[in-house]
Amino acid sequence: MKVQYWPFSLKFRHPFTISKGTKTHQPTLVVELEHMGIKGYGEAPAIAYYNIPVEKMIADLEAKKIFVEKFAFTEPERYWHYLHHLFPQNNFLVCALDIAAWDMYGKLKGKKLYELWEGDTSRNPICDYTIGIDTIDKMVAKMKEKPWPIYKIKVGTADDIAIVKALRENTDATLRVDANAAWNLETALSLIPQLEKLGVELVEQPLAKDDWEGMKVLFRESSLPLYADESCVFEQDVERCYGYFHGINIKLTKCSGITPARRMIQKARELGMKVMIGCMNESTIGSAAIAHLLPFIDHVDMDGPLLLEEDLATGISYDYGKISCSEDPGLGVTYKGLFQK
């Protein structure tokens, strides 16, 4: 095999703010694997608070490039296990390579990924659109700029109820809120009944990722479904979340790719938990990996290409929240590489 990579800094349409901070660009790394003349592409965005910048992904890849390339590739699961041990401290890089391996494998087999996995294509959850934290007027303006059936509202301010109330006054769409671990138990217990009255569907990561005692109380008391994000990073976290959350939000980049994500979905189903897959503002390359998992999940948040001013590929489309993949095998994406920096 051969491996290549390209770093990018993709500009957002609007500054993107959550409870952890604001950014104007999304750093990301695209990788290409080539085997028997077939090329596969993968992507991993860098998230500052996980301390894995693009530079670290590149440094780790360069340090062990010969081992990445020497593997006798047969199928992605075996390759993921190899990569997982090769880069034990860099899930993000493993994710990018795992997605590329699946893309390549699908092309070698001449099938789209969800066909390889025998996915139920009648199950196609609608993608939400994220409204980042801003002034109330600007959040309402962002929503009006993008008419959509489901909005994910970033919260974690002193004005959370006022924000959601103002948005509700301007739309009949489904609303979800994501606190990104910004609330304490007292705040959550106070806000959730008010959010329910405003027609909110679910709450994502209300408390700190390790506040299990608080989540135990909130799980018992909450009138809205609670979904784990920061509390559910790795495979072993799924079972840990049982009895504390009603569902989990899987991020491919954090859990290290498609391969472990599929196992996380299976474990959640065994436990009777709902499953969302979320994005970390990937371009169409990383978003396509999510799209092929739609037949297996309940909710999806893969609006990265909609939030970014620049994109790196074509191959998925959004029709008022409904996702369609191209007819090409693998991920079904065509890498443009127009914005290499």
Protein backbone atom coordinates (compact mmCIF):
# COMPACT_ATOMS: atom_id res chain seq x y z
CA MET A 1 0.00 0.00 0.00
CA LYS A 2 0.88 3.64 -0.36
CA VAL A 3 -0.27 6.47 1.89
CA GLN A 4 -0.49 10.20 1.21
CA TYR A 5 -2.00 13.01 3.25
CA TRP A 6 -3.02 16.66 3.02
CA PRO A 7 -3.70 19.12 5.86
CA PHE A 8 -6.42 21.76 5.50
CA SER A 9 -7.91 24.62 7.45
CA LEU A 10 -11.51 24.91 6.28
CA LYS A 11 -13.33 28.18 6.89
CA PHE A 12 -16.75 28.22 8.56
CA ARG A 13 -19.60 30.21 7.01
CA HIS A 14 -20.12 31.79 10.44
CA PRO A 15 -17.82 31.73 13.50
CA PHE A 16 -18.72 28.49 15.29
CA THR A 17 -19.22 28.76 19.05
CA ILE A 18 -20.05 26.12 21.65
CA SER A 19 -19.69 26.25 25.43
CA LYS A 20 -16.00 25.35 25.07
CA GLY A 21 -15.05 28.25 22.76
CA THR A 22 -15.20 29.80 19.28
CA LYS A 23 -13.43 29.01 16.02
CA THR A 24 -13.51 30.41 12.49
CA HIS A 25 -11.74 27.52 10.73
CA GLN A 26 -11.77 23.75 11.07
CA PRO A 27 -8.31 22.12 10.82
CA THR A 28 -8.54 18.67 9.25
CA LEU A 29 -6.36 15.96 7.76
CA VAL A 30 -7.25 13.99 4.63
CA VAL A 31 -5.46 10.70 3.99
CA GLU A 32 -5.29 8.56 0.86
CA LEU A 33 -4.54 4.83 0.84
CA GLU A 34 -3.74 3.11 -2.44
CA HIS A 35 -3.78 -0.67 -2.92
CA MET A 36 -3.79 -2.54 -6.24
CA GLY A 37 -4.36 0.75 -8.04
CA ILE A 38 -7.48 1.55 -5.97
CA LYS A 39 -7.49 4.72 -3.86
CA GLY A 40 -9.47 5.25 -0.68
CA TYR A 41 -9.93 8.50 1.24
CA GLY A 42 -10.43 9.26 4.91
CA GLU A 43 -10.58 12.33 7.11
CA ALA A 44 -10.04 13.34 10.72
CA PRO A 45 -10.72 16.89 11.96
CA ALA A 46 -8.55 18.22 14.78
CA ILE A 47 -10.32 19.33 17.96
CA ALA A 48 -8.31 21.58 20.25
CA TYR A 49 -9.65 20.27 23.58
CA TYR A 50 -8.64 16.69 22.69
CA ASN A 51 -5.02 17.77 22.17
CA ILE A 52 -4.55 16.02 18.84
CA PRO A 53 -3.75 18.78 16.32
CA VAL A 54 -3.19 18.07 12.63
CA GLU A 55 0.54 18.46 13.24
CA LYS A 56 0.54 15.54 15.68
CA MET A 57 -1.40 13.35 13.24
CA ILE A 58 1.18 14.12 10.55
CA ALA A 59 4.16 13.58 12.88
CA ASP A 60 2.82 10.21 14.04
CA LEU A 61 2.05 9.13 10.50
CA GLU A 62 5.48 10.14 9.23
CA ALA A 63 7.20 8.34 12.11
CA LYS A 64 5.48 5.04 11.27
CA LYS A 65 4.64 5.48 7.60
CA ILE A 66 6.60 2.39 6.57
CA PHE A 67 4.48 0.24 8.91
CA VAL A 68 1.22 1.77 7.65
CA GLU A 69 2.22 0.88 4.11
CA LYS A 70 3.70 -2.58 4.68
CA PHE A 71 0.50 -4.16 6.04
CA ALA A 72 -0.83 -6.97 3.82
CA PHE A 73 -4.34 -5.55 3.39
CA THR A 74 -7.25 -7.97 3.10
CA GLU A 75 -10.14 -6.29 4.91
CA PRO A 76 -10.66 -3.18 7.10
CA GLU A 77 -11.31 -4.80 10.50
CA ARG A 78 -7.90 -6.49 10.55
CA TYR A 79 -6.27 -3.26 9.42
CA TRP A 80 -8.01 -1.27 12.17
CA HIS A 81 -6.69 -3.63 14.84
CA TYR A 82 -3.19 -3.22 13.42
CA LEU A 83 -3.50 0.59 13.33
CA HIS A 84 -5.03 0.66 16.81
CA HIS A 85 -1.87 -0.92 18.20
CA LEU A 86 0.41 1.09 15.92
CA PHE A 87 -1.03 4.43 17.09
CA PRO A 88 -2.40 3.76 20.60
CA GLN A 89 -2.49 7.47 21.51
CA ASN A 90 -3.89 8.85 18.26
CA ASN A 91 -7.49 7.78 17.64
CA PHE A 92 -7.95 10.65 15.21
CA LEU A 93 -5.28 9.40 12.82
CA VAL A 94 -6.54 5.83 13.15
CA CYS A 95 -10.01 7.11 12.21
CA ALA A 96 -8.79 8.78 9.02
CA LEU A 97 -6.91 5.65 7.95
CA ASP A 98 -9.81 3.36 8.89
CA ILE A 99 -12.27 5.40 6.78
CA ALA A 100 -9.82 5.33 3.87
CA ALA A 101 -9.46 1.56 4.24
CA TRP A 102 -13.23 1.08 4.13
CA ASP A 103 -13.50 3.34 1.08
CA MET A 104 -10.80 1.34 -0.67
CA TYR A 105 -12.37 -1.97 0.36
CA GLY A 106 -15.78 -0.95 -0.96
CA LYS A 107 -14.22 0.01 -4.28
CA LEU A 108 -12.33 -3.29 -4.44
CA LYS A 109 -15.63 -5.12 -3.87
CA GLY A 110 -17.59 -2.82 -6.19
CA LYS A 111 -20.17 -2.02 -3.50
CA LYS A 112 -21.29 0.96 -1.46
CA LEU A 113 -20.42 0.56 2.21
CA TYR A 114 -24.00 0.29 3.45
CA GLU A 115 -24.50 -2.50 0.88
CA LEU A 116 -21.51 -4.38 2.28
CA TRP A 117 -23.08 -4.08 5.73
CA GLU A 118 -26.56 -5.04 4.46
CA GLY A 119 -28.10 -1.85 5.77
CA ASP A 120 -31.85 -1.25 5.82
CA THR A 121 -32.08 1.71 3.44
CA SER A 122 -35.69 2.39 4.45
CA ARG A 123 -34.15 3.69 7.67
CA ASN A 124 -32.75 7.11 6.79
CA PRO A 125 -32.86 9.58 9.70
CA ILE A 126 -33.07 13.28 8.90
CA CYS A 127 -29.89 15.29 9.49
CA ASP A 128 -30.13 18.21 11.88
CA TYR A 129 -28.54 21.64 11.35
CA THR A 130 -26.51 23.21 14.15
CA ILE A 131 -27.01 26.74 15.46
CA GLY A 132 -23.89 27.74 17.37
CA ILE A 133 -23.95 30.02 20.41
CA ASP A 134 -24.25 33.72 19.57
CA THR A 135 -26.45 36.66 20.45
CA ILE A 136 -30.12 35.71 20.38
CA ASP A 137 -30.75 37.89 17.32
CA LYS A 138 -27.87 36.30 15.42
CA MET A 139 -28.97 32.77 16.35
CA VAL A 140 -32.46 33.51 15.08
CA ALA A 141 -30.96 35.01 11.90
CA LYS A 142 -28.81 31.90 11.34
CA MET A 143 -31.88 29.72 11.68
CA LYS A 144 -33.90 31.81 9.25
CA GLU A 145 -31.01 31.74 6.80
CA LYS A 146 -31.26 27.93 6.69
CA PRO A 147 -34.86 26.63 6.80
CA TRP A 148 -34.52 23.07 8.09
CA PRO A 149 -36.71 20.37 9.69
CA ILE A 150 -34.46 19.76 12.73
CA TYR A 151 -32.10 22.15 14.51
CA LYS A 152 -29.46 21.32 17.09
CA ILE A 153 -29.10 24.33 19.40
CA LYS A 154 -25.81 24.81 21.21
CA VAL A 155 -26.45 26.00 24.78
CA GLY A 156 -24.49 26.54 27.97
CA THR A 157 -25.07 30.23 28.66
CA ALA A 158 -27.02 32.26 31.20
CA ASP A 159 -29.64 32.84 28.47
CA ASP A 160 -30.36 29.25 27.43
CA ILE A 161 -34.13 29.41 27.92
CA ALA A 162 -34.37 32.83 26.28
CA ILE A 163 -32.41 31.48 23.30
CA VAL A 164 -34.60 28.42 22.81
CA LYS A 165 -37.77 30.44 23.39
CA ALA A 166 -36.77 32.97 20.71
CA LEU A 167 -35.95 30.20 18.25
CA ARG A 168 -39.21 28.41 19.00
CA GLU A 169 -41.13 31.61 18.30
CA ASN A 170 -39.65 31.61 14.81
CA THR A 171 -39.96 27.95 13.82
CA ASP A 172 -42.10 24.85 14.17
CA ALA A 173 -39.10 22.63 13.43
CA THR A 174 -37.87 19.95 15.81
CA LEU A 175 -35.37 21.39 18.31
CA ARG A 176 -32.58 19.52 20.09
CA VAL A 177 -30.23 21.11 22.59
CA ASP A 178 -26.58 20.31 23.21
CA ALA A 179 -25.02 21.66 26.40
CA ASN A 180 -21.54 20.23 25.71
CA ALA A 181 -21.22 19.41 29.44
CA ALA A 182 -21.83 23.02 30.48
CA TRP A 183 -24.60 22.55 33.07
CA ASN A 184 -24.50 21.35 36.66
CA LEU A 185 -27.23 19.12 38.06
CA GLU A 186 -29.22 21.97 39.60
CA THR A 187 -29.24 23.88 36.32
CA ALA A 188 -30.24 20.82 34.32
CA LEU A 189 -33.09 19.96 36.68
CA SER A 190 -34.36 23.53 36.35
CA LEU A 191 -33.98 23.90 32.57
CA ILE A 192 -35.17 20.55 31.25
CA PRO A 193 -38.86 20.95 32.23
CA GLN A 194 -38.83 24.40 30.61
CA LEU A 195 -37.20 23.01 27.48
CA GLU A 196 -39.82 20.27 27.32
CA LYS A 197 -42.57 22.93 27.33
CA LEU A 198 -40.79 24.59 24.39
CA GLY A 199 -41.01 21.37 22.43
CA VAL A 200 -37.37 20.28 22.68
CA GLU A 201 -36.91 16.65 21.58
CA LEU A 202 -33.76 15.65 23.46
CA VAL A 203 -30.79 16.95 25.43
CA GLU A 204 -27.21 16.07 24.60
CA GLN A 205 -24.45 15.88 27.25
CA PRO A 206 -26.07 18.05 29.93
CA LEU A 207 -23.44 17.52 32.66
CA ALA A 208 -19.67 17.15 32.90
CA LYS A 209 -18.45 13.95 31.25
CA ASP A 210 -17.48 12.35 34.55
CA ASP A 211 -20.43 13.53 36.68
CA TRP A 212 -21.93 10.07 36.97
CA GLU A 213 -23.62 10.77 40.30
CA GLY A 214 -25.34 13.81 38.82
CA MET A 215 -26.34 11.85 35.71
CA LYS A 216 -27.84 9.10 37.85
CA VAL A 217 -30.20 11.64 39.41
CA LEU A 218 -30.89 13.43 36.13
CA PHE A 219 -31.61 10.16 34.31
CA ARG A 220 -34.22 9.35 36.95
CA GLU A 221 -35.78 12.82 36.95
CA SER A 222 -35.52 14.04 33.35
CA SER A 223 -38.67 14.28 31.26
CA LEU A 224 -36.54 14.45 28.09
CA PRO A 225 -34.23 11.80 26.61
CA LEU A 226 -30.56 12.34 27.49
CA TYR A 227 -27.76 11.51 25.04
CA ALA A 228 -24.11 11.02 25.95
CA ASP A 229 -21.41 12.66 23.85
CA GLU A 230 -18.31 13.58 25.86
CA SER A 231 -19.22 10.73 28.26
CA CYS A 232 -19.17 8.20 25.40
CA VAL A 233 -15.90 8.33 23.48
CA PHE A 234 -14.65 4.74 23.29
CA GLU A 235 -16.26 1.34 22.88
CA GLN A 236 -16.07 0.53 26.58
CA ASP A 237 -18.00 3.73 27.37
CA VAL A 238 -21.24 2.46 25.82
CA GLU A 239 -21.95 0.02 28.63
CA ARG A 240 -20.80 2.62 31.17
CA CYS A 241 -23.53 4.98 29.91
CA TYR A 242 -26.31 2.44 30.37
CA GLY A 243 -28.65 3.58 33.13
CA TYR A 244 -27.28 7.13 32.98
CA PHE A 245 -28.30 8.13 29.44
CA HIS A 246 -31.10 7.08 27.10
CA GLY A 247 -28.84 7.16 24.07
CA ILE A 248 -25.30 7.77 22.86
CA ASN A 249 -23.77 10.09 20.28
CA ILE A 250 -20.90 8.38 18.47
CA LYS A 251 -18.17 10.49 16.89
CA LEU A 252 -16.09 8.55 14.36
CA THR A 253 -13.01 10.68 14.95
CA LYS A 254 -13.07 10.22 18.72
CA CYS A 255 -13.78 6.49 18.78
CA SER A 256 -11.18 5.87 16.01
CA GLY A 257 -13.26 5.15 12.95
CA ILE A 258 -16.03 3.21 11.27
CA THR A 259 -14.85 -0.16 12.58
CA PRO A 260 -15.32 0.55 16.33
CA ALA A 261 -18.40 2.70 15.62
CA ARG A 262 -20.19 -0.32 14.15
CA ARG A 263 -19.44 -2.30 17.30
CA MET A 264 -20.65 0.59 19.47
CA ILE A 265 -23.94 0.65 17.57
CA GLN A 266 -24.37 -3.08 18.14
CA LYS A 267 -23.63 -2.79 21.87
CA ALA A 268 -26.07 0.10 22.27
CA ARG A 269 -28.77 -1.94 20.53
CA GLU A 270 -28.12 -4.88 22.85
CA LEU A 271 -28.65 -2.52 25.79
CA GLY A 272 -31.82 -1.00 24.32
CA MET A 273 -30.24 2.44 23.90
CA LYS A 274 -30.83 4.90 21.07
CA VAL A 275 -27.98 5.84 18.74
CA MET A 276 -26.98 9.14 17.20
CA ILE A 277 -23.88 9.70 15.10
CA GLY A 278 -22.48 13.19 15.31
CA CYS A 279 -19.93 15.11 13.33
CA MET A 280 -16.90 17.19 14.24
CA ASN A 281 -17.34 19.53 11.27
CA GLU A 282 -15.86 17.14 8.73
CA SER A 283 -15.95 17.88 5.03
CA THR A 284 -17.91 15.60 2.70
CA ILE A 285 -15.20 12.92 3.03
CA GLY A 286 -15.70 12.31 6.74
CA SER A 287 -19.43 13.04 6.48
CA ALA A 288 -19.88 10.33 3.85
CA ALA A 289 -18.53 7.79 6.34
CA ILE A 290 -21.38 8.82 8.66
CA ALA A 291 -23.93 8.71 5.82
CA HIS A 292 -23.31 5.02 5.16
CA LEU A 293 -24.17 4.24 8.79
CA LEU A 294 -27.60 5.90 8.57
CA PRO A 295 -29.46 2.58 8.06
CA PHE A 296 -28.32 1.49 11.53
CA ILE A 297 -29.03 4.55 13.72
CA ASP A 298 -31.85 6.74 15.07
CA HIS A 299 -30.53 10.31 14.76
CA VAL A 300 -27.78 11.98 12.79
CA ASP A 301 -25.84 15.21 13.09
CA MET A 302 -23.63 15.39 9.98
CA ASP A 303 -24.00 19.01 8.92
CA GLY A 304 -20.27 19.74 8.63
CA PRO A 305 -20.37 20.40 4.86
CA LEU A 306 -23.29 22.79 5.39
CA LEU A 307 -21.43 24.79 8.05
CA LEU A 308 -18.19 25.07 6.07
CA GLU A 309 -17.48 27.62 3.36
CA GLU A 310 -15.07 25.20 1.68
CA ASP A 311 -15.56 21.52 0.96
CA LEU A 312 -13.07 18.91 -0.17
CA ALA A 313 -15.19 16.40 -2.05
CA THR A 314 -18.52 15.62 -3.67
CA GLY A 315 -20.65 12.54 -3.20
CA ILE A 316 -23.39 13.25 -0.66
CA SER A 317 -26.36 15.58 -0.97
CA TYR A 318 -28.76 17.20 1.49
CA ASP A 319 -32.41 17.71 0.56
CA TYR A 320 -34.03 19.53 3.46
CA GLY A 321 -32.26 17.19 5.87
CA LYS A 322 -32.62 13.99 3.84
CA ILE A 323 -29.21 12.50 2.98
CA SER A 324 -28.41 10.80 -0.32
CA CYS A 325 -25.17 9.05 -1.25
CA SER A 326 -23.80 8.78 -4.76
CA GLU A 327 -24.06 5.55 -6.72
CA ASP A 328 -20.29 5.05 -6.66
CA PRO A 329 -18.77 2.23 -4.57
CA GLY A 330 -17.05 2.68 -1.22
CA LEU A 331 -17.77 6.04 0.37
CA GLY A 332 -18.95 7.27 -3.02
CA VAL A 333 -16.95 10.49 -2.79
CA THR A 334 -14.79 12.26 -5.34
CA TYR A 335 -11.89 14.07 -3.69
CA LYS A 336 -11.45 17.52 -5.22
CA GLY A 337 -8.33 18.61 -3.39
CA LEU A 338 -8.94 22.14 -4.61
CA PHE A 339 -8.00 23.86 -1.39
CA GLN A 340 -4.71 22.22 -0.52
CA LYS A 341 -2.69 24.48 1.77
